[in-house]
N, C-alpha and C. Protein backbone atom coordinates (compact mmCIF):
# COMPACT_ATOMS: atom_id res chain seq x y z
N MET A 1 0.85 -1.21 0.00
CA MET A 1 0.00 0.00 0.01
C MET A 1 0.87 1.24 -0.01
N ASN A 2 0.52 2.19 -0.83
CA ASN A 2 1.26 3.45 -0.91
C ASN A 2 1.06 4.24 0.39
N PRO A 3 2.13 4.59 1.12
CA PRO A 3 1.96 5.32 2.37
C PRO A 3 1.33 6.69 2.18
N LEU A 4 1.52 7.26 1.00
CA LEU A 4 0.93 8.58 0.76
C LEU A 4 -0.60 8.51 0.65
N ALA A 5 -1.10 7.31 0.33
CA ALA A 5 -2.57 7.17 0.22
C ALA A 5 -3.25 7.40 1.56
N THR A 6 -2.51 7.24 2.64
CA THR A 6 -3.07 7.51 3.96
C THR A 6 -3.50 8.95 4.10
N PHE A 7 -2.80 9.84 3.38
CA PHE A 7 -3.06 11.30 3.51
C PHE A 7 -4.00 11.81 2.40
N ALA A 8 -4.61 10.91 1.69
CA ALA A 8 -5.53 11.31 0.62
C ALA A 8 -6.97 11.14 1.07
N ASP A 9 -7.72 12.21 1.03
CA ASP A 9 -9.14 12.15 1.36
C ASP A 9 -9.91 13.11 0.48
N PRO A 10 -10.71 12.62 -0.46
CA PRO A 10 -11.43 13.50 -1.38
C PRO A 10 -12.35 14.48 -0.68
N THR A 11 -13.01 14.04 0.39
CA THR A 11 -13.95 14.92 1.08
C THR A 11 -13.22 16.11 1.70
N ALA A 12 -12.11 15.85 2.35
CA ALA A 12 -11.35 16.94 2.96
C ALA A 12 -10.81 17.87 1.90
N ALA A 13 -10.32 17.33 0.79
CA ALA A 13 -9.80 18.16 -0.29
C ALA A 13 -10.92 19.01 -0.90
N LEU A 14 -12.10 18.42 -1.06
CA LEU A 14 -13.22 19.15 -1.63
C LEU A 14 -13.63 20.33 -0.73
N VAL A 15 -13.67 20.08 0.59
CA VAL A 15 -14.05 21.15 1.51
C VAL A 15 -13.06 22.31 1.44
N VAL A 16 -11.78 21.99 1.49
CA VAL A 16 -10.76 23.04 1.51
C VAL A 16 -10.64 23.74 0.17
N LEU A 17 -10.39 22.98 -0.91
CA LEU A 17 -10.17 23.60 -2.20
C LEU A 17 -11.45 24.21 -2.75
N GLY A 18 -12.58 23.50 -2.58
CA GLY A 18 -13.84 24.05 -3.03
C GLY A 18 -14.22 25.31 -2.25
N GLY A 19 -13.99 25.30 -0.95
CA GLY A 19 -14.30 26.48 -0.15
C GLY A 19 -13.42 27.65 -0.54
N VAL A 20 -12.12 27.41 -0.75
CA VAL A 20 -11.22 28.49 -1.16
C VAL A 20 -11.64 29.06 -2.51
N ALA A 21 -12.00 28.17 -3.45
CA ALA A 21 -12.43 28.61 -4.76
C ALA A 21 -13.70 29.44 -4.66
N ALA A 22 -14.67 28.99 -3.86
CA ALA A 22 -15.93 29.73 -3.73
C ALA A 22 -15.70 31.09 -3.09
N ALA A 23 -14.87 31.14 -2.05
CA ALA A 23 -14.60 32.43 -1.40
C ALA A 23 -13.89 33.39 -2.34
N THR A 24 -12.99 32.86 -3.17
CA THR A 24 -12.29 33.71 -4.13
C THR A 24 -13.23 34.24 -5.19
N LEU A 25 -14.15 33.42 -5.67
CA LEU A 25 -15.12 33.85 -6.68
C LEU A 25 -16.05 34.94 -6.12
N VAL A 26 -16.38 34.82 -4.84
CA VAL A 26 -17.25 35.84 -4.23
C VAL A 26 -16.50 37.15 -4.05
N ARG A 27 -15.23 37.08 -3.71
CA ARG A 27 -14.48 38.26 -3.36
C ARG A 27 -13.94 39.05 -4.56
N PHE A 28 -13.59 38.34 -5.66
CA PHE A 28 -12.93 38.99 -6.77
C PHE A 28 -13.70 38.76 -8.07
N PRO A 29 -13.63 39.72 -9.01
CA PRO A 29 -14.23 39.49 -10.32
C PRO A 29 -13.45 38.44 -11.10
N LEU A 30 -14.15 37.81 -12.05
CA LEU A 30 -13.54 36.72 -12.80
C LEU A 30 -12.29 37.16 -13.56
N GLY A 31 -12.33 38.38 -14.10
CA GLY A 31 -11.17 38.85 -14.85
C GLY A 31 -9.92 38.93 -13.99
N GLN A 32 -10.09 39.42 -12.78
CA GLN A 32 -8.94 39.53 -11.88
C GLN A 32 -8.45 38.15 -11.46
N ILE A 33 -9.38 37.23 -11.24
CA ILE A 33 -8.98 35.87 -10.90
C ILE A 33 -8.20 35.24 -12.06
N GLY A 34 -8.68 35.48 -13.28
CA GLY A 34 -7.95 34.96 -14.43
C GLY A 34 -6.53 35.49 -14.51
N ARG A 35 -6.37 36.80 -14.23
CA ARG A 35 -5.03 37.38 -14.24
C ARG A 35 -4.16 36.80 -13.11
N GLY A 36 -4.80 36.52 -11.98
CA GLY A 36 -4.05 35.91 -10.88
C GLY A 36 -3.55 34.52 -11.25
N LEU A 37 -4.37 33.75 -11.93
CA LEU A 37 -3.94 32.41 -12.36
C LEU A 37 -2.89 32.50 -13.46
N ALA A 38 -3.09 33.45 -14.38
CA ALA A 38 -2.13 33.62 -15.46
C ALA A 38 -0.77 34.06 -14.94
N ALA A 39 -0.76 34.75 -13.81
CA ALA A 39 0.50 35.23 -13.24
C ALA A 39 1.40 34.09 -12.80
N LEU A 40 0.85 32.89 -12.67
CA LEU A 40 1.68 31.73 -12.32
C LEU A 40 2.80 31.51 -13.32
N ALA A 41 2.55 31.89 -14.59
CA ALA A 41 3.56 31.69 -15.62
C ALA A 41 4.79 32.56 -15.40
N THR A 42 4.63 33.65 -14.62
CA THR A 42 5.77 34.55 -14.41
C THR A 42 6.65 34.12 -13.23
N LEU A 43 6.22 33.15 -12.45
CA LEU A 43 6.96 32.78 -11.24
C LEU A 43 8.40 32.34 -11.49
N PRO A 44 8.66 31.54 -12.54
CA PRO A 44 10.07 31.12 -12.73
C PRO A 44 10.97 32.24 -13.24
N ARG A 45 10.39 33.32 -13.73
CA ARG A 45 11.20 34.38 -14.34
C ARG A 45 11.77 35.34 -13.31
N ALA A 46 12.85 35.97 -13.67
CA ALA A 46 13.39 37.04 -12.86
C ALA A 46 12.74 38.36 -13.32
N ALA A 47 12.75 39.36 -12.47
CA ALA A 47 12.23 40.67 -12.87
C ALA A 47 13.07 41.20 -14.04
N PRO A 48 12.44 41.78 -15.05
CA PRO A 48 13.20 42.24 -16.22
C PRO A 48 14.18 43.33 -15.87
N ARG A 49 15.35 43.25 -16.48
CA ARG A 49 16.35 44.31 -16.35
C ARG A 49 16.16 45.30 -17.49
N MET A 50 16.35 46.56 -17.20
CA MET A 50 16.09 47.61 -18.16
C MET A 50 17.34 48.13 -18.84
N ASP A 51 18.46 47.40 -18.71
CA ASP A 51 19.72 47.88 -19.29
C ASP A 51 19.58 48.07 -20.81
N GLU A 52 19.09 47.06 -21.48
CA GLU A 52 18.96 47.16 -22.94
C GLU A 52 17.95 48.24 -23.33
N THR A 53 16.90 48.38 -22.54
CA THR A 53 15.90 49.40 -22.87
C THR A 53 16.47 50.79 -22.69
N VAL A 54 17.26 51.01 -21.64
CA VAL A 54 17.92 52.31 -21.44
C VAL A 54 18.86 52.56 -22.61
N ASP A 55 19.61 51.54 -23.04
CA ASP A 55 20.50 51.73 -24.20
C ASP A 55 19.69 52.07 -25.45
N GLN A 56 18.52 51.49 -25.61
CA GLN A 56 17.69 51.78 -26.77
C GLN A 56 17.22 53.23 -26.74
N ILE A 57 16.88 53.72 -25.56
CA ILE A 57 16.46 55.13 -25.47
C ILE A 57 17.61 56.05 -25.88
N ALA A 58 18.81 55.71 -25.46
CA ALA A 58 19.98 56.51 -25.90
C ALA A 58 20.14 56.45 -27.41
N ALA A 59 19.92 55.26 -28.00
CA ALA A 59 20.02 55.14 -29.46
C ALA A 59 18.91 55.94 -30.15
N LEU A 60 17.74 55.96 -29.56
CA LEU A 60 16.65 56.79 -30.11
C LEU A 60 17.02 58.26 -30.11
N GLY A 61 17.71 58.70 -29.06
CA GLY A 61 18.16 60.08 -29.02
C GLY A 61 19.13 60.39 -30.14
N ARG A 62 20.02 59.46 -30.43
CA ARG A 62 20.98 59.68 -31.52
C ARG A 62 20.25 59.71 -32.87
N ILE A 63 19.25 58.83 -33.03
CA ILE A 63 18.48 58.84 -34.27
C ILE A 63 17.76 60.17 -34.44
N ALA A 64 17.17 60.67 -33.36
CA ALA A 64 16.43 61.95 -33.43
C ALA A 64 17.38 63.10 -33.77
N ARG A 65 18.59 63.10 -33.20
CA ARG A 65 19.53 64.19 -33.49
C ARG A 65 20.00 64.13 -34.95
N LYS A 66 20.11 62.95 -35.49
CA LYS A 66 20.65 62.80 -36.84
C LYS A 66 19.58 62.95 -37.91
N HIS A 67 18.40 62.39 -37.66
CA HIS A 67 17.37 62.35 -38.71
C HIS A 67 16.11 63.12 -38.37
N GLY A 68 16.05 63.67 -37.20
CA GLY A 68 14.84 64.39 -36.80
C GLY A 68 13.92 63.52 -35.98
N VAL A 69 13.07 64.18 -35.20
CA VAL A 69 12.22 63.46 -34.27
C VAL A 69 11.21 62.56 -34.97
N MET A 70 10.81 62.92 -36.18
CA MET A 70 9.83 62.09 -36.89
C MET A 70 10.38 60.73 -37.24
N ALA A 71 11.70 60.60 -37.29
CA ALA A 71 12.29 59.28 -37.59
C ALA A 71 12.02 58.28 -36.48
N LEU A 72 11.76 58.78 -35.28
CA LEU A 72 11.49 57.87 -34.18
C LEU A 72 10.22 57.06 -34.41
N ASP A 73 9.31 57.60 -35.22
CA ASP A 73 8.04 56.94 -35.46
C ASP A 73 8.22 55.64 -36.21
N LYS A 74 9.38 55.46 -36.87
CA LYS A 74 9.64 54.25 -37.64
C LYS A 74 10.43 53.22 -36.84
N SER A 75 10.81 53.55 -35.63
CA SER A 75 11.61 52.65 -34.82
C SER A 75 10.77 51.50 -34.28
N VAL A 76 11.36 50.35 -34.20
CA VAL A 76 10.72 49.17 -33.63
C VAL A 76 11.04 49.14 -32.14
N ILE A 77 10.02 49.31 -31.32
CA ILE A 77 10.20 49.42 -29.87
C ILE A 77 9.34 48.35 -29.21
N ALA A 78 10.00 47.44 -28.49
CA ALA A 78 9.26 46.33 -27.88
C ALA A 78 8.62 46.74 -26.56
N ASP A 79 9.29 47.60 -25.79
CA ASP A 79 8.76 47.93 -24.47
C ASP A 79 7.56 48.88 -24.62
N PRO A 80 6.41 48.55 -24.03
CA PRO A 80 5.21 49.37 -24.23
C PRO A 80 5.33 50.77 -23.61
N ASP A 81 6.05 50.93 -22.50
CA ASP A 81 6.17 52.24 -21.90
C ASP A 81 7.03 53.17 -22.76
N VAL A 82 8.09 52.61 -23.30
CA VAL A 82 8.94 53.42 -24.18
C VAL A 82 8.19 53.77 -25.47
N ALA A 83 7.44 52.80 -26.00
CA ALA A 83 6.65 53.06 -27.20
C ALA A 83 5.65 54.16 -26.97
N LEU A 84 5.00 54.15 -25.81
CA LEU A 84 4.05 55.22 -25.48
C LEU A 84 4.73 56.57 -25.42
N ALA A 85 5.89 56.62 -24.75
CA ALA A 85 6.61 57.89 -24.61
C ALA A 85 7.06 58.41 -25.97
N VAL A 86 7.54 57.51 -26.84
CA VAL A 86 8.01 57.94 -28.15
C VAL A 86 6.86 58.47 -28.99
N ARG A 87 5.69 57.84 -28.93
CA ARG A 87 4.53 58.35 -29.66
C ARG A 87 4.19 59.76 -29.20
N MET A 88 4.24 59.98 -27.90
CA MET A 88 3.92 61.30 -27.37
C MET A 88 4.97 62.33 -27.78
N ILE A 89 6.23 61.92 -27.80
CA ILE A 89 7.28 62.84 -28.22
C ILE A 89 7.13 63.21 -29.70
N VAL A 90 6.84 62.21 -30.52
CA VAL A 90 6.61 62.49 -31.96
C VAL A 90 5.41 63.40 -32.15
N ASP A 91 4.38 63.23 -31.33
CA ASP A 91 3.19 64.07 -31.45
C ASP A 91 3.39 65.46 -30.88
N GLY A 92 4.54 65.70 -30.23
CA GLY A 92 4.84 67.03 -29.70
C GLY A 92 4.28 67.30 -28.32
N ASP A 93 3.98 66.26 -27.55
CA ASP A 93 3.47 66.49 -26.20
C ASP A 93 4.57 67.06 -25.30
N PRO A 94 4.21 67.84 -24.29
CA PRO A 94 5.19 68.43 -23.41
C PRO A 94 6.00 67.37 -22.66
N PRO A 95 7.25 67.69 -22.32
CA PRO A 95 8.09 66.71 -21.59
C PRO A 95 7.45 66.25 -20.29
N GLU A 96 6.79 67.18 -19.58
CA GLU A 96 6.13 66.81 -18.31
C GLU A 96 5.01 65.80 -18.55
N ALA A 97 4.29 65.94 -19.66
CA ALA A 97 3.21 65.00 -19.98
C ALA A 97 3.80 63.62 -20.30
N VAL A 98 4.94 63.60 -20.98
CA VAL A 98 5.59 62.34 -21.29
C VAL A 98 6.04 61.65 -20.01
N ARG A 99 6.68 62.40 -19.13
CA ARG A 99 7.13 61.84 -17.86
C ARG A 99 5.96 61.30 -17.05
N ASP A 100 4.87 62.07 -16.98
CA ASP A 100 3.72 61.63 -16.19
C ASP A 100 3.10 60.38 -16.79
N ALA A 101 3.08 60.29 -18.12
CA ALA A 101 2.50 59.09 -18.77
C ALA A 101 3.34 57.85 -18.46
N VAL A 102 4.66 58.01 -18.45
CA VAL A 102 5.53 56.89 -18.14
C VAL A 102 5.33 56.44 -16.68
N ILE A 103 5.18 57.41 -15.78
CA ILE A 103 4.95 57.09 -14.38
C ILE A 103 3.62 56.38 -14.20
N ARG A 104 2.58 56.88 -14.88
CA ARG A 104 1.26 56.26 -14.76
C ARG A 104 1.29 54.84 -15.31
N ALA A 105 1.97 54.63 -16.42
CA ALA A 105 2.05 53.28 -17.00
C ALA A 105 2.76 52.33 -16.06
N ARG A 106 3.86 52.82 -15.44
CA ARG A 106 4.60 51.98 -14.50
C ARG A 106 3.74 51.64 -13.28
N ASP A 107 3.05 52.64 -12.76
CA ASP A 107 2.23 52.42 -11.58
C ASP A 107 1.05 51.49 -11.88
N ALA A 108 0.45 51.66 -13.06
CA ALA A 108 -0.67 50.79 -13.45
C ALA A 108 -0.23 49.34 -13.59
N ARG A 109 0.96 49.14 -14.16
CA ARG A 109 1.48 47.77 -14.29
C ARG A 109 1.71 47.18 -12.90
N ALA A 110 2.31 47.93 -12.00
CA ALA A 110 2.56 47.44 -10.65
C ALA A 110 1.26 47.11 -9.95
N GLU A 111 0.24 47.93 -10.13
CA GLU A 111 -1.05 47.67 -9.51
C GLU A 111 -1.68 46.38 -10.02
N ARG A 112 -1.56 46.13 -11.33
CA ARG A 112 -2.10 44.89 -11.87
C ARG A 112 -1.35 43.68 -11.31
N GLN A 113 -0.05 43.80 -11.18
CA GLN A 113 0.73 42.70 -10.64
C GLN A 113 0.41 42.47 -9.16
N LEU A 114 0.25 43.55 -8.41
CA LEU A 114 -0.09 43.40 -7.00
C LEU A 114 -1.50 42.88 -6.82
N ALA A 115 -2.40 43.20 -7.76
CA ALA A 115 -3.76 42.65 -7.68
C ALA A 115 -3.72 41.13 -7.88
N ALA A 116 -2.85 40.65 -8.75
CA ALA A 116 -2.69 39.19 -8.91
C ALA A 116 -2.17 38.56 -7.64
N ALA A 117 -1.21 39.24 -6.99
CA ALA A 117 -0.70 38.73 -5.73
C ALA A 117 -1.77 38.71 -4.66
N GLU A 118 -2.68 39.70 -4.69
CA GLU A 118 -3.75 39.75 -3.69
C GLU A 118 -4.67 38.54 -3.80
N ILE A 119 -4.88 38.05 -5.02
CA ILE A 119 -5.70 36.84 -5.20
C ILE A 119 -5.12 35.70 -4.37
N TRP A 120 -3.83 35.48 -4.53
CA TRP A 120 -3.19 34.36 -3.84
C TRP A 120 -3.07 34.61 -2.35
N SER A 121 -2.88 35.84 -1.95
CA SER A 121 -2.86 36.15 -0.52
C SER A 121 -4.22 35.88 0.11
N SER A 122 -5.27 36.19 -0.62
CA SER A 122 -6.62 35.91 -0.12
C SER A 122 -6.86 34.41 0.04
N MET A 123 -6.37 33.63 -0.94
CA MET A 123 -6.48 32.17 -0.85
C MET A 123 -5.72 31.64 0.37
N ALA A 124 -4.55 32.22 0.63
CA ALA A 124 -3.74 31.79 1.77
C ALA A 124 -4.48 32.07 3.09
N GLU A 125 -5.21 33.18 3.14
CA GLU A 125 -5.97 33.49 4.35
C GLU A 125 -7.17 32.56 4.51
N ALA A 126 -7.80 32.21 3.38
CA ALA A 126 -9.03 31.42 3.44
C ALA A 126 -8.78 29.94 3.71
N ALA A 127 -7.63 29.42 3.23
CA ALA A 127 -7.41 27.99 3.30
C ALA A 127 -7.44 27.43 4.73
N PRO A 128 -6.75 28.03 5.71
CA PRO A 128 -6.85 27.46 7.07
C PRO A 128 -8.26 27.51 7.64
N ALA A 129 -9.03 28.56 7.29
CA ALA A 129 -10.40 28.66 7.78
C ALA A 129 -11.24 27.53 7.24
N PHE A 130 -11.08 27.20 5.97
CA PHE A 130 -11.87 26.08 5.42
C PHE A 130 -11.31 24.75 5.89
N GLY A 131 -10.02 24.71 6.25
CA GLY A 131 -9.51 23.51 6.90
C GLY A 131 -10.21 23.27 8.24
N LEU A 132 -10.45 24.37 8.98
CA LEU A 132 -11.17 24.25 10.23
C LEU A 132 -12.61 23.82 10.01
N ILE A 133 -13.23 24.37 8.97
CA ILE A 133 -14.60 23.96 8.64
C ILE A 133 -14.63 22.47 8.32
N GLY A 134 -13.64 22.00 7.54
CA GLY A 134 -13.59 20.57 7.25
C GLY A 134 -13.39 19.73 8.50
N THR A 135 -12.62 20.26 9.45
CA THR A 135 -12.43 19.55 10.72
C THR A 135 -13.76 19.41 11.46
N ILE A 136 -14.53 20.51 11.48
CA ILE A 136 -15.82 20.46 12.17
C ILE A 136 -16.76 19.47 11.47
N ILE A 137 -16.75 19.49 10.13
CA ILE A 137 -17.60 18.55 9.40
C ILE A 137 -17.21 17.11 9.73
N GLY A 138 -15.90 16.83 9.75
CA GLY A 138 -15.45 15.48 10.06
C GLY A 138 -15.83 15.06 11.47
N LEU A 139 -15.72 15.99 12.43
CA LEU A 139 -16.09 15.64 13.81
C LEU A 139 -17.60 15.38 13.94
N VAL A 140 -18.39 16.19 13.24
CA VAL A 140 -19.84 15.96 13.28
C VAL A 140 -20.17 14.58 12.71
N ARG A 141 -19.53 14.24 11.57
CA ARG A 141 -19.76 12.90 10.98
C ARG A 141 -19.35 11.80 11.96
N MET A 142 -18.25 12.04 12.66
CA MET A 142 -17.76 11.02 13.58
C MET A 142 -18.71 10.86 14.77
N PHE A 143 -19.15 11.99 15.35
CA PHE A 143 -19.99 11.91 16.55
C PHE A 143 -21.40 11.40 16.24
N THR A 144 -21.87 11.64 15.04
CA THR A 144 -23.21 11.16 14.69
C THR A 144 -23.19 9.68 14.31
N ALA A 145 -21.98 9.11 14.21
CA ALA A 145 -21.91 7.69 13.84
C ALA A 145 -21.18 6.89 14.91
N MET A 146 -21.26 7.33 16.14
CA MET A 146 -20.55 6.64 17.21
C MET A 146 -21.00 5.20 17.39
N GLN A 147 -22.26 4.93 17.00
CA GLN A 147 -22.76 3.58 17.13
C GLN A 147 -22.18 2.66 16.07
N ASP A 148 -21.54 3.23 15.05
CA ASP A 148 -20.96 2.44 13.97
C ASP A 148 -19.45 2.63 13.97
N PRO A 149 -18.70 1.74 14.56
CA PRO A 149 -17.24 1.90 14.65
C PRO A 149 -16.57 2.07 13.29
N ALA A 150 -17.16 1.49 12.27
CA ALA A 150 -16.55 1.58 10.93
C ALA A 150 -16.61 3.01 10.37
N ALA A 151 -17.55 3.81 10.85
CA ALA A 151 -17.70 5.18 10.35
C ALA A 151 -16.87 6.18 11.12
N ILE A 152 -16.33 5.78 12.27
CA ILE A 152 -15.57 6.72 13.08
C ILE A 152 -14.25 7.08 12.41
N GLY A 153 -13.59 6.08 11.85
CA GLY A 153 -12.30 6.34 11.20
C GLY A 153 -12.39 7.32 10.06
N PRO A 154 -13.31 7.14 9.08
CA PRO A 154 -13.42 8.11 8.00
C PRO A 154 -13.75 9.52 8.48
N GLY A 155 -14.60 9.64 9.48
CA GLY A 155 -14.92 10.96 10.01
C GLY A 155 -13.71 11.63 10.62
N MET A 156 -12.94 10.87 11.38
CA MET A 156 -11.71 11.42 11.97
C MET A 156 -10.69 11.80 10.89
N ALA A 157 -10.62 10.99 9.83
CA ALA A 157 -9.70 11.29 8.72
C ALA A 157 -10.04 12.64 8.08
N VAL A 158 -11.33 12.86 7.83
CA VAL A 158 -11.75 14.16 7.28
C VAL A 158 -11.36 15.29 8.21
N ALA A 159 -11.60 15.10 9.48
CA ALA A 159 -11.31 16.15 10.47
C ALA A 159 -9.84 16.52 10.48
N LEU A 160 -8.99 15.52 10.50
CA LEU A 160 -7.55 15.80 10.59
C LEU A 160 -6.94 16.25 9.26
N LEU A 161 -7.35 15.59 8.18
CA LEU A 161 -6.76 15.91 6.88
C LEU A 161 -7.22 17.26 6.35
N ALA A 162 -8.43 17.67 6.68
CA ALA A 162 -8.88 19.00 6.27
C ALA A 162 -7.99 20.08 6.88
N THR A 163 -7.68 19.93 8.15
CA THR A 163 -6.75 20.87 8.78
C THR A 163 -5.39 20.85 8.10
N LEU A 164 -4.90 19.64 7.81
CA LEU A 164 -3.62 19.50 7.14
C LEU A 164 -3.64 20.17 5.77
N TYR A 165 -4.68 19.88 4.97
CA TYR A 165 -4.76 20.46 3.62
C TYR A 165 -4.81 21.98 3.67
N GLY A 166 -5.62 22.52 4.60
CA GLY A 166 -5.72 23.96 4.72
C GLY A 166 -4.40 24.62 5.06
N ALA A 167 -3.68 24.02 6.01
CA ALA A 167 -2.38 24.58 6.41
C ALA A 167 -1.36 24.47 5.29
N LEU A 168 -1.33 23.32 4.61
CA LEU A 168 -0.36 23.16 3.52
C LEU A 168 -0.65 24.08 2.34
N PHE A 169 -1.92 24.14 1.94
CA PHE A 169 -2.25 24.99 0.80
C PHE A 169 -1.97 26.45 1.11
N GLY A 170 -2.36 26.88 2.32
CA GLY A 170 -2.18 28.29 2.66
C GLY A 170 -0.73 28.67 2.82
N ASN A 171 0.06 27.86 3.52
CA ASN A 171 1.41 28.25 3.89
C ASN A 171 2.49 27.74 2.96
N LEU A 172 2.20 26.68 2.23
CA LEU A 172 3.21 26.11 1.36
C LEU A 172 2.99 26.44 -0.11
N ILE A 173 1.78 26.85 -0.47
CA ILE A 173 1.47 27.12 -1.89
C ILE A 173 1.04 28.57 -2.08
N ALA A 174 -0.11 28.94 -1.52
CA ALA A 174 -0.68 30.25 -1.85
C ALA A 174 0.15 31.41 -1.33
N GLN A 175 0.57 31.34 -0.06
CA GLN A 175 1.32 32.47 0.49
C GLN A 175 2.68 32.65 -0.17
N PRO A 176 3.45 31.58 -0.44
CA PRO A 176 4.70 31.79 -1.18
C PRO A 176 4.48 32.36 -2.58
N ILE A 177 3.41 31.93 -3.25
CA ILE A 177 3.12 32.50 -4.59
C ILE A 177 2.84 33.98 -4.47
N ALA A 178 2.00 34.37 -3.48
CA ALA A 178 1.70 35.78 -3.30
C ALA A 178 2.96 36.58 -3.01
N GLY A 179 3.82 36.06 -2.16
CA GLY A 179 5.06 36.76 -1.82
C GLY A 179 5.97 36.91 -3.05
N ARG A 180 6.06 35.86 -3.84
CA ARG A 180 6.89 35.92 -5.05
C ARG A 180 6.35 36.94 -6.04
N LEU A 181 5.03 36.98 -6.24
CA LEU A 181 4.44 37.94 -7.16
C LEU A 181 4.65 39.38 -6.68
N ARG A 182 4.51 39.60 -5.38
CA ARG A 182 4.76 40.95 -4.85
C ARG A 182 6.22 41.37 -5.04
N ARG A 183 7.12 40.45 -4.81
CA ARG A 183 8.53 40.78 -4.99
C ARG A 183 8.85 41.07 -6.45
N LEU A 184 8.30 40.29 -7.37
CA LEU A 184 8.52 40.57 -8.80
C LEU A 184 7.95 41.92 -9.20
N ALA A 185 6.78 42.28 -8.64
CA ALA A 185 6.18 43.57 -8.95
C ALA A 185 7.06 44.71 -8.46
N ARG A 186 7.57 44.58 -7.23
CA ARG A 186 8.43 45.64 -6.68
C ARG A 186 9.73 45.76 -7.49
N ASP A 187 10.32 44.63 -7.84
CA ASP A 187 11.58 44.65 -8.56
C ASP A 187 11.41 45.26 -9.94
N GLU A 188 10.31 44.92 -10.62
CA GLU A 188 10.09 45.48 -11.97
C GLU A 188 9.81 46.97 -11.86
N ALA A 189 9.01 47.39 -10.89
CA ALA A 189 8.74 48.82 -10.74
C ALA A 189 10.03 49.59 -10.47
N PHE A 190 10.91 49.04 -9.64
CA PHE A 190 12.20 49.69 -9.36
C PHE A 190 13.02 49.80 -10.62
N GLU A 191 13.06 48.74 -11.42
CA GLU A 191 13.82 48.80 -12.67
C GLU A 191 13.24 49.82 -13.63
N ARG A 192 11.91 49.89 -13.69
CA ARG A 192 11.29 50.80 -14.65
C ARG A 192 11.42 52.26 -14.26
N GLU A 193 11.76 52.52 -13.02
CA GLU A 193 12.07 53.90 -12.64
C GLU A 193 13.24 54.45 -13.44
N ARG A 194 14.10 53.56 -13.90
CA ARG A 194 15.27 53.98 -14.67
C ARG A 194 14.89 54.56 -16.02
N LEU A 195 13.70 54.28 -16.51
CA LEU A 195 13.27 54.78 -17.81
C LEU A 195 12.79 56.22 -17.76
N GLU A 196 12.36 56.65 -16.61
CA GLU A 196 11.73 57.95 -16.47
C GLU A 196 12.66 59.09 -16.87
N ALA A 197 13.85 59.13 -16.31
CA ALA A 197 14.77 60.25 -16.55
C ALA A 197 15.22 60.32 -18.01
N PRO A 198 15.70 59.23 -18.65
CA PRO A 198 16.13 59.35 -20.04
C PRO A 198 15.00 59.67 -21.02
N LEU A 199 13.79 59.16 -20.75
CA LEU A 199 12.67 59.51 -21.63
C LEU A 199 12.27 60.98 -21.45
N HIS A 200 12.32 61.46 -20.22
CA HIS A 200 12.03 62.87 -19.97
C HIS A 200 13.08 63.74 -20.65
N ALA A 201 14.34 63.33 -20.56
CA ALA A 201 15.41 64.10 -21.20
C ALA A 201 15.25 64.09 -22.72
N LEU A 202 14.88 62.95 -23.28
CA LEU A 202 14.65 62.88 -24.73
C LEU A 202 13.52 63.80 -25.14
N ALA A 203 12.44 63.83 -24.36
CA ALA A 203 11.32 64.70 -24.67
C ALA A 203 11.71 66.17 -24.58
N ARG A 204 12.55 66.52 -23.59
CA ARG A 204 13.00 67.93 -23.46
C ARG A 204 13.84 68.35 -24.65
N ARG A 205 14.72 67.45 -25.11
CA ARG A 205 15.60 67.79 -26.21
C ARG A 205 14.82 67.98 -27.51
N GLU A 206 13.81 67.14 -27.71
CA GLU A 206 13.10 67.16 -29.00
C GLU A 206 11.93 68.12 -29.02
N ARG A 207 11.49 68.59 -27.86
CA ARG A 207 10.35 69.51 -27.80
C ARG A 207 10.58 70.80 -28.57
N PRO A 208 11.73 71.49 -28.46
CA PRO A 208 11.90 72.72 -29.23
C PRO A 208 11.83 72.51 -30.74
N ARG A 209 12.33 71.34 -31.20
CA ARG A 209 12.27 71.10 -32.64
C ARG A 209 10.82 70.96 -33.10
N VAL A 210 10.02 70.29 -32.30
CA VAL A 210 8.61 70.15 -32.66
C VAL A 210 7.90 71.49 -32.66
N ALA A 211 8.20 72.30 -31.61
CA ALA A 211 7.56 73.60 -31.51
C ALA A 211 7.92 74.49 -32.67
N ALA A 212 9.21 74.40 -33.11
CA ALA A 212 9.65 75.27 -34.19
C ALA A 212 9.10 74.83 -35.52
N ALA A 213 8.73 73.56 -35.64
CA ALA A 213 8.27 73.02 -36.92
C ALA A 213 6.91 73.45 -37.26
């Protein structure tokens, strides 16, 4: 007999996982839950470094000095924040507006990432509570079947394993995922702060040319 089978109980798992899922559906909209689940794909990755992006901004400045600001419109830019700033610069928006747009884009991205982390943090909070609910259900089943010794064991198994499942899911799965997502969000936001100054400087340099044109 597989020793791990001793720790398998569908009823306890259903109470804990089903309860966590139901509580999450009540608390958050489906779209946010979907983003929280999709964020699992980012867990193995490190926060992006902006070194190459900063170098690209410097290259864009050289292109603008040599060929004019309109040449930037033909550049292939992968980073969405830089692409937004370049569009605004080409359109002649003020440097302050460009800087504010970059800051808003960075903050909005961080908020979306932290919202995904909040999903998992909520699951971590709910899991032990539903483990306790499963324990109560198992004890009720056990006490209502005291006249049947064969039913006592399964009731006790539900009671104990529900507590175990809730503790494991909350502390070993959901909470570490939430912590990892929060750390990735903070690290990326810190890296993206490096884009603000060079994009603002590029906008300041190119603004007089647009105004004179």
